[in-house]
Amino acid sequence: MLARALLILCASLAFACGPVATAPDAASSVAACASCHPDHARDHSRSRHANAANGALYRALRDASAVGTRSFCDSCHRPEVGTSDGLSCESCHQAIGNFGTSNARLRWDRSGAVTSARQESVATRAHGTRFHGFLPTADLCGTCHEVEGPGAFRETPFTEWQRSPAAQRGDTCVSCHGSPTPGRASPRPMAPAAVDPIAPSPDRARTDHRFVGPDDDTESAARLLVGSATVSVRREGAEAVVTVTSLVTGHALPTGVRAVRELWLEVTTVDRAGRSTIVSGALDGEQRLAQPPSGAPWIALHDELSPGLPTEATIVRVRALEPTQSVSARFAIAGETALVRARLRYRAQSQSLRLALGLEGPPPEPIDVASVETPW
């Protein structure tokens, strides 16, 4: 009878809080964690972390790369053995350090104890828990978000953060990207760390495990990006001086894999009859970002590569803005102009790159990061 009772008790505990053991893939690992951490698991499942290897652009770019390069890509996008989708909870919560803050050189301890960012954390009936100071640091994020890859494939947000105003005031990547207001450090909602009917967890400040980034769905990415820069127009004779200023304090604008994304200024004039003309920053019939007509200036802040794909390019021109930095350009304005519009636009994927990789369908809808209208 005692043995049977123990078996029933063990079965009920396993159902309530599934054990956290090294899983064959990320999906089953997250499912085990979800039995006690449903909110965290739900957020994670909607994140780019959980789907890091599922994007059509990523798969196409990986498949177009040399075989040796593919394993390099996988080291960040699918670090778990046997994983086909992305990162699991354990990818971060069993990491204890790195062999260098770049190129996925993480160190894990797979002993079963889960790392926590809180010193007061204790073991649960499902798993051991231990505080580890590496978990909440920018070094953890930088291990995969600082990349020195093949060709001109480079990402430098960690080194940008190191010299940033955000780092000087003590904000880390999680301060902004784990915030309920993406991109801005703000107070966290209070909620239990785990759902356990026998041993309830105390309320704690909750980190948003979506870790919203610029590659998220359009609505989430807009919450992150809108307001991250300003655009102003100043009249000087027959010219409009348009200035873009970054309000991001933690890294460059844009950052990350800039060779894949697009961030550009569109300048439009409207005449007194209401007819509009895009002076700079137009999209062509295939939705590619077009060079401005008649040699007009333009402002594009993503990286310019030459030649070929990012993994094959040998030349890169970095045009991103450092925190609080500005860039200006002068545009000749026709005499019949009544209004000048300027907007800074973002797309998570370059349409030129998509077409080069043979991807079908429309590119992501542009997000207007900042805009202004000035009577002329």
Protein backbone atom coordinates (compact mmCIF):
# COMPACT_ATOMS: atom_id res chain seq x y z
CA MET A 1 0.00 0.00 0.00
CA LEU A 2 2.80 2.41 0.88
CA ALA A 3 4.60 1.73 -2.39
CA ARG A 4 1.38 2.26 -4.34
CA ALA A 5 0.71 5.53 -2.51
CA LEU A 6 4.23 6.75 -3.31
CA LEU A 7 3.74 5.91 -6.99
CA ILE A 8 0.45 7.83 -7.09
CA LEU A 9 2.08 10.82 -5.35
CA CYS A 10 5.04 10.82 -7.76
CA ALA A 11 2.71 10.64 -10.75
CA SER A 12 0.63 13.57 -9.51
CA LEU A 13 3.73 15.68 -8.86
CA ALA A 14 5.11 14.91 -12.30
CA PHE A 15 1.84 16.05 -13.88
CA ALA A 16 1.76 19.25 -11.84
CA CYS A 17 5.41 20.16 -12.43
CA GLY A 18 7.16 18.20 -15.13
CA PRO A 19 10.84 17.45 -14.41
CA VAL A 20 13.44 19.58 -16.14
CA ALA A 21 15.92 17.17 -17.66
CA THR A 22 17.96 17.61 -20.79
CA ALA A 23 15.36 17.18 -23.52
CA PRO A 24 15.96 15.83 -27.03
CA ASP A 25 14.78 19.09 -28.50
CA ALA A 26 13.75 22.59 -27.48
CA ALA A 27 10.01 22.06 -27.94
CA SER A 28 9.73 19.15 -25.48
CA SER A 29 12.02 20.94 -23.02
CA VAL A 30 9.80 24.03 -23.03
CA ALA A 31 6.70 21.85 -22.67
CA ALA A 32 8.15 20.34 -19.50
CA CYS A 33 8.83 23.81 -18.07
CA ALA A 34 5.35 25.01 -19.05
CA SER A 35 3.67 22.74 -16.50
CA CYS A 36 4.89 25.05 -13.71
CA HIS A 37 5.79 28.20 -15.68
CA PRO A 38 2.91 28.60 -18.16
CA ASP A 39 3.26 32.37 -18.59
CA HIS A 40 7.00 32.22 -19.19
CA ALA A 41 6.56 29.33 -21.62
CA ARG A 42 3.77 31.12 -23.48
CA ASP A 43 5.91 34.23 -23.89
CA HIS A 44 8.89 32.17 -24.97
CA SER A 45 6.85 30.23 -27.54
CA ARG A 46 5.95 33.52 -29.25
CA SER A 47 9.52 34.78 -29.24
CA ARG A 48 12.16 34.83 -31.94
CA HIS A 49 14.32 32.77 -29.58
CA ALA A 50 11.88 29.85 -29.73
CA ASN A 51 11.64 30.13 -33.51
CA ALA A 52 15.22 31.08 -34.26
CA ALA A 53 15.68 28.36 -36.88
CA ASN A 54 12.21 28.54 -38.42
CA GLY A 55 12.26 31.79 -40.39
CA ALA A 56 12.10 31.48 -44.18
CA LEU A 57 14.84 34.08 -44.66
CA TYR A 58 17.13 32.36 -42.17
CA ARG A 59 16.61 28.96 -43.76
CA ALA A 60 17.18 30.32 -47.27
CA LEU A 61 20.32 32.18 -46.26
CA ARG A 62 21.62 29.13 -44.39
CA ASP A 63 20.90 26.81 -47.32
CA ALA A 64 22.66 29.20 -49.72
CA SER A 65 25.79 29.13 -47.56
CA ALA A 66 28.68 26.69 -47.60
CA VAL A 67 28.21 23.49 -45.58
CA GLY A 68 30.73 24.58 -42.96
CA THR A 69 28.93 27.88 -42.54
CA ARG A 70 25.64 26.13 -41.80
CA SER A 71 26.94 24.58 -38.59
CA PHE A 72 28.22 28.03 -37.61
CA CYS A 73 24.70 29.43 -38.07
CA ASP A 74 23.18 26.55 -36.10
CA SER A 75 25.40 27.21 -33.10
CA CYS A 76 23.23 30.24 -32.24
CA HIS A 77 19.94 29.41 -33.93
CA ARG A 78 19.60 25.82 -32.70
CA PRO A 79 22.17 25.20 -29.95
CA GLU A 80 20.45 22.17 -28.40
CA VAL A 81 21.43 18.74 -29.71
CA GLY A 82 18.71 17.43 -32.02
CA THR A 83 16.77 20.69 -32.00
CA SER A 84 15.04 21.77 -35.21
CA ASP A 85 13.26 24.90 -34.03
CA GLY A 86 15.30 27.19 -31.80
CA LEU A 87 16.28 27.84 -28.19
CA SER A 88 14.87 26.09 -25.15
CA CYS A 89 14.51 27.40 -21.60
CA GLU A 90 17.69 25.51 -20.74
CA SER A 91 19.66 27.35 -23.42
CA CYS A 92 19.84 30.27 -20.99
CA HIS A 93 18.83 28.75 -17.65
CA GLN A 94 21.63 26.19 -17.62
CA ALA A 95 24.27 28.52 -19.06
CA ILE A 96 27.00 29.35 -16.54
CA GLY A 97 29.44 31.37 -18.63
CA ASN A 98 31.14 31.51 -21.98
CA PHE A 99 34.46 30.95 -23.68
CA GLY A 100 34.25 34.43 -25.16
CA THR A 101 31.41 36.88 -25.69
CA SER A 102 30.72 36.07 -29.33
CA ASN A 103 29.86 33.29 -31.78
CA ALA A 104 27.75 31.11 -29.43
CA ARG A 105 30.65 30.08 -27.20
CA LEU A 106 28.39 29.36 -24.22
CA ARG A 107 29.27 27.06 -21.33
CA TRP A 108 26.48 24.96 -19.82
CA ASP A 109 26.12 22.87 -16.68
CA ARG A 110 23.58 20.17 -17.52
CA SER A 111 23.47 18.76 -13.99
CA GLY A 112 19.75 19.53 -13.75
CA ALA A 113 19.82 22.53 -11.44
CA VAL A 114 18.24 25.51 -13.15
CA THR A 115 19.99 28.86 -12.91
CA SER A 116 18.08 31.87 -11.62
CA ALA A 117 18.78 35.58 -11.68
CA ARG A 118 17.48 35.90 -8.08
CA GLN A 119 19.62 35.15 -5.06
CA GLU A 120 16.59 34.14 -2.98
CA SER A 121 15.67 31.32 -5.37
CA VAL A 122 15.32 27.85 -3.86
CA ALA A 123 14.93 24.32 -5.16
CA THR A 124 11.44 23.12 -6.09
CA ARG A 125 9.84 19.69 -6.25
CA ALA A 126 10.51 19.69 -10.01
CA HIS A 127 14.16 20.70 -10.15
CA GLY A 128 17.10 22.16 -8.31
CA THR A 129 17.47 25.93 -8.51
CA ARG A 130 20.57 28.01 -7.99
CA PHE A 131 21.42 31.65 -8.34
CA HIS A 132 23.97 32.37 -11.03
CA GLY A 133 25.22 35.87 -11.74
CA PHE A 134 25.81 35.14 -15.42
CA LEU A 135 22.11 34.81 -16.25
CA PRO A 136 21.02 38.48 -16.05
CA THR A 137 24.19 39.88 -17.67
CA ALA A 138 24.69 41.35 -21.11
CA ASP A 139 27.51 38.80 -21.53
CA LEU A 140 24.93 36.01 -21.83
CA CYS A 141 23.05 37.87 -24.58
CA GLY A 142 26.25 38.95 -26.28
CA THR A 143 27.46 35.39 -26.62
CA CYS A 144 25.01 34.87 -29.48
CA HIS A 145 24.27 38.48 -30.43
CA GLU A 146 27.92 39.35 -31.10
CA VAL A 147 28.86 37.59 -34.33
CA GLU A 148 32.01 37.52 -36.41
CA GLY A 149 30.86 35.31 -39.24
CA PRO A 150 31.88 34.41 -42.77
CA GLY A 151 32.15 37.10 -45.40
CA ALA A 152 30.88 40.43 -44.08
CA PHE A 153 28.36 38.84 -41.74
CA ARG A 154 28.91 40.79 -38.53
CA GLU A 155 26.79 41.76 -35.54
CA THR A 156 28.20 44.03 -32.81
CA PRO A 157 25.42 44.98 -30.33
CA PHE A 158 27.44 43.80 -27.32
CA THR A 159 30.46 45.98 -28.07
CA GLU A 160 28.10 48.84 -28.88
CA TRP A 161 26.39 48.34 -25.51
CA GLN A 162 29.73 48.30 -23.67
CA ARG A 163 30.45 51.90 -24.67
CA SER A 164 26.83 53.08 -24.44
CA PRO A 165 25.08 55.45 -21.99
CA ALA A 166 22.82 52.53 -21.01
CA ALA A 167 25.81 50.48 -19.82
CA GLN A 168 27.14 53.45 -17.88
CA ARG A 169 23.91 53.75 -15.91
CA GLY A 170 23.72 49.99 -15.27
CA ASP A 171 21.07 48.93 -17.79
CA THR A 172 21.62 45.59 -19.53
CA CYS A 173 19.99 43.99 -22.57
CA VAL A 174 17.26 42.50 -20.37
CA SER A 175 16.54 45.89 -18.79
CA CYS A 176 14.99 47.03 -22.07
CA HIS A 177 14.22 43.87 -24.03
CA GLY A 178 12.68 42.06 -21.05
CA SER A 179 10.60 45.08 -20.13
CA PRO A 180 6.80 45.31 -20.52
CA THR A 181 7.59 48.40 -22.61
CA PRO A 182 9.93 46.98 -25.27
CA GLY A 183 13.08 49.02 -25.74
CA ARG A 184 12.67 51.03 -22.54
CA ALA A 185 13.54 50.10 -18.98
CA SER A 186 10.30 50.26 -17.00
CA PRO A 187 8.78 48.71 -13.83
CA ARG A 188 7.94 45.01 -14.14
CA PRO A 189 4.58 43.50 -13.23
CA MET A 190 4.56 41.37 -10.09
CA ALA A 191 3.55 37.70 -10.38
CA PRO A 192 4.53 34.29 -8.98
CA ALA A 193 7.59 32.71 -10.54
CA ALA A 194 5.85 29.32 -10.74
CA VAL A 195 2.40 27.76 -10.43
CA ASP A 196 2.58 25.25 -7.59
CA PRO A 197 -0.61 24.49 -5.62
CA ILE A 198 1.32 22.77 -2.81
CA ALA A 199 4.16 25.29 -2.37
CA PRO A 200 2.99 28.64 -3.83
CA SER A 201 5.70 30.95 -5.10
CA PRO A 202 5.90 34.54 -3.87
CA ASP A 203 5.27 37.41 -6.27
CA ARG A 204 8.36 38.65 -8.08
CA ALA A 205 9.09 41.21 -10.75
CA ARG A 206 8.31 39.40 -14.01
CA THR A 207 10.66 39.53 -16.99
CA ASP A 208 8.92 39.39 -20.36
CA HIS A 209 10.33 36.24 -21.97
CA ARG A 210 9.41 37.37 -25.46
CA PHE A 211 12.50 39.61 -25.39
CA VAL A 212 10.99 41.67 -28.18
CA GLY A 213 13.36 42.56 -31.00
CA PRO A 214 13.11 44.24 -34.42
CA ASP A 215 12.48 40.89 -36.17
CA ASP A 216 9.26 40.21 -34.26
CA ASP A 217 5.80 40.49 -35.76
CA THR A 218 4.98 43.96 -37.07
CA GLU A 219 2.90 45.01 -34.05
CA SER A 220 5.55 43.97 -31.49
CA ALA A 221 8.43 45.38 -33.53
CA ALA A 222 6.55 48.69 -33.84
CA ARG A 223 6.22 48.90 -30.06
CA LEU A 224 9.99 48.55 -29.86
CA LEU A 225 10.97 50.85 -32.72
CA VAL A 226 8.47 53.70 -32.83
CA GLY A 227 9.99 56.59 -30.93
CA SER A 228 13.55 55.25 -31.14
CA ALA A 229 14.52 58.21 -33.35
CA THR A 230 13.37 61.66 -34.34
CA VAL A 231 13.13 63.27 -37.78
CA SER A 232 13.21 67.03 -38.29
CA VAL A 233 13.01 69.29 -41.35
CA ARG A 234 14.63 72.74 -41.50
CA ARG A 235 14.25 75.13 -44.44
CA GLU A 236 17.34 76.82 -45.82
CA GLY A 237 16.46 78.75 -48.97
CA ALA A 238 15.24 76.28 -51.61
CA GLU A 239 16.60 73.30 -49.69
CA ALA A 240 15.17 71.15 -46.92
CA VAL A 241 17.70 69.97 -44.37
CA VAL A 242 16.38 66.69 -42.98
CA THR A 243 17.97 65.34 -39.80
CA VAL A 244 17.59 61.91 -38.24
CA THR A 245 18.62 61.56 -34.58
CA SER A 246 18.86 58.29 -32.68
CA LEU A 247 17.18 58.16 -29.26
CA VAL A 248 18.49 54.65 -28.55
CA THR A 249 20.93 54.67 -25.64
CA GLY A 250 21.99 51.01 -25.48
CA HIS A 251 23.43 50.33 -28.93
CA ALA A 252 23.59 51.61 -32.48
CA LEU A 253 20.51 52.26 -34.63
CA PRO A 254 20.05 49.85 -36.29
CA THR A 255 22.03 47.05 -34.70
CA GLY A 256 22.32 43.29 -35.03
CA VAL A 257 22.33 41.80 -38.51
CA ARG A 258 22.12 45.14 -40.31
CA ALA A 259 22.97 43.58 -43.67
CA VAL A 260 19.60 41.79 -43.65
CA ARG A 261 17.43 44.66 -42.35
CA GLU A 262 16.58 48.04 -43.85
CA LEU A 263 16.26 51.42 -42.14
CA TRP A 264 15.94 54.38 -44.46
CA LEU A 265 14.61 57.91 -44.82
CA GLU A 266 11.75 58.64 -47.21
CA VAL A 267 11.32 62.30 -48.24
CA THR A 268 8.13 63.33 -50.07
CA THR A 269 6.96 66.71 -51.38
CA VAL A 270 3.31 67.67 -51.86
CA ASP A 271 2.46 70.51 -54.25
CA ARG A 272 -0.41 72.98 -53.91
CA ALA A 273 -2.67 70.74 -56.00
CA GLY A 274 -2.12 67.87 -53.55
CA ARG A 275 0.15 65.86 -55.85
CA SER A 276 2.92 64.03 -54.02
CA THR A 277 6.39 63.10 -55.26
CA ILE A 278 8.86 60.87 -53.45
CA VAL A 279 12.17 62.70 -53.65
CA SER A 280 14.21 60.01 -51.91
CA GLY A 281 13.65 56.59 -50.33
CA ALA A 282 11.03 55.18 -52.71
CA LEU A 283 10.22 51.51 -53.22
CA ASP A 284 10.18 50.18 -56.79
CA GLY A 285 7.59 47.92 -58.42
CA GLU A 286 9.08 44.84 -56.75
CA GLN A 287 9.15 46.61 -53.37
CA ARG A 288 12.93 46.97 -53.42
CA LEU A 289 14.46 50.08 -51.92
CA ALA A 290 15.38 52.17 -54.96
CA GLN A 291 18.20 54.63 -55.43
CA PRO A 292 16.83 58.21 -55.50
CA PRO A 293 16.27 59.82 -58.91
CA SER A 294 18.53 62.48 -60.43
CA GLY A 295 21.32 61.92 -57.94
CA ALA A 296 19.29 63.19 -54.99
CA PRO A 297 20.82 62.39 -51.59
CA TRP A 298 19.42 59.68 -49.37
CA ILE A 299 19.87 58.38 -45.86
CA ALA A 300 20.04 54.62 -45.38
CA LEU A 301 21.28 53.40 -42.00
CA HIS A 302 21.57 49.65 -42.64
CA ASP A 303 24.89 48.16 -43.74
CA GLU A 304 25.82 48.29 -47.41
CA LEU A 305 27.51 45.11 -48.63
CA SER A 306 29.40 44.27 -51.79
CA PRO A 307 29.18 41.89 -53.48
CA GLY A 308 26.59 39.13 -53.10
CA LEU A 309 25.09 37.64 -49.98
CA PRO A 310 26.17 38.71 -46.48
CA THR A 311 28.07 35.44 -46.05
CA GLU A 312 29.98 36.07 -49.28
CA ALA A 313 30.55 39.84 -49.23
CA THR A 314 34.04 41.23 -48.83
CA ILE A 315 33.19 44.91 -48.32
CA VAL A 316 30.86 46.37 -45.71
CA ARG A 317 29.94 50.01 -45.19
CA VAL A 318 28.51 50.64 -41.73
CA ARG A 319 26.10 53.58 -41.67
CA ALA A 320 24.32 53.01 -38.35
CA LEU A 321 23.97 55.82 -35.82
CA GLU A 322 25.67 55.61 -32.46
CA PRO A 323 23.49 56.43 -29.40
CA THR A 324 22.15 60.03 -29.66
CA GLN A 325 24.05 60.58 -32.94
CA SER A 326 22.47 62.50 -35.85
CA VAL A 327 22.83 62.47 -39.61
CA SER A 328 21.54 65.12 -42.06
CA ALA A 329 21.02 65.50 -45.79
CA ARG A 330 19.98 68.42 -48.01
CA PHE A 331 17.17 68.03 -50.53
CA ALA A 332 16.35 70.50 -53.33
CA ILE A 333 12.67 71.42 -53.08
CA ALA A 334 10.61 72.57 -56.07
CA GLY A 335 9.08 76.03 -55.93
CA GLU A 336 5.45 74.83 -56.12
CA THR A 337 5.86 72.65 -53.03
CA ALA A 338 3.36 73.22 -50.21
CA LEU A 339 4.42 70.48 -47.80
CA VAL A 340 7.51 68.38 -47.08
CA ARG A 341 7.07 64.98 -45.43
CA ALA A 342 9.89 62.90 -44.03
CA ARG A 343 9.68 59.53 -42.34
CA LEU A 344 12.23 57.00 -41.13
CA ARG A 345 11.10 53.55 -42.25
CA TYR A 346 12.15 50.05 -41.16
CA ARG A 347 11.84 46.57 -42.62
CA ALA A 348 13.10 43.45 -40.87
CA GLN A 349 14.08 41.96 -44.23
CA SER A 350 15.68 43.50 -47.28
CA GLN A 351 13.55 42.80 -50.34
CA SER A 352 16.66 42.79 -52.54
CA LEU A 353 18.08 40.00 -50.38
CA ARG A 354 14.78 38.12 -50.40
CA LEU A 355 14.65 38.20 -54.19
CA ALA A 356 18.30 37.13 -54.46
CA LEU A 357 17.47 34.10 -52.30
CA GLY A 358 14.38 33.25 -54.36
CA LEU A 359 11.87 33.95 -51.59
CA GLU A 360 8.33 34.51 -52.79
CA GLY A 361 5.62 36.70 -51.31
CA PRO A 362 5.69 40.27 -50.07
CA PRO A 363 8.39 41.56 -47.72
CA PRO A 364 7.45 42.65 -44.20
CA GLU A 365 5.28 45.75 -44.05
CA PRO A 366 7.46 48.83 -43.36
CA ILE A 367 7.24 50.37 -39.90
CA ASP A 368 7.35 54.16 -39.62
CA VAL A 369 9.83 54.72 -36.80
CA ALA A 370 9.49 58.52 -36.86
CA SER A 371 7.89 61.09 -39.14
CA VAL A 372 7.31 64.81 -39.58
CA GLU A 373 5.34 67.17 -41.90
CA THR A 374 6.55 70.70 -42.52
CA PRO A 375 4.60 73.38 -44.45
CA TRP A 376 6.75 74.89 -47.19
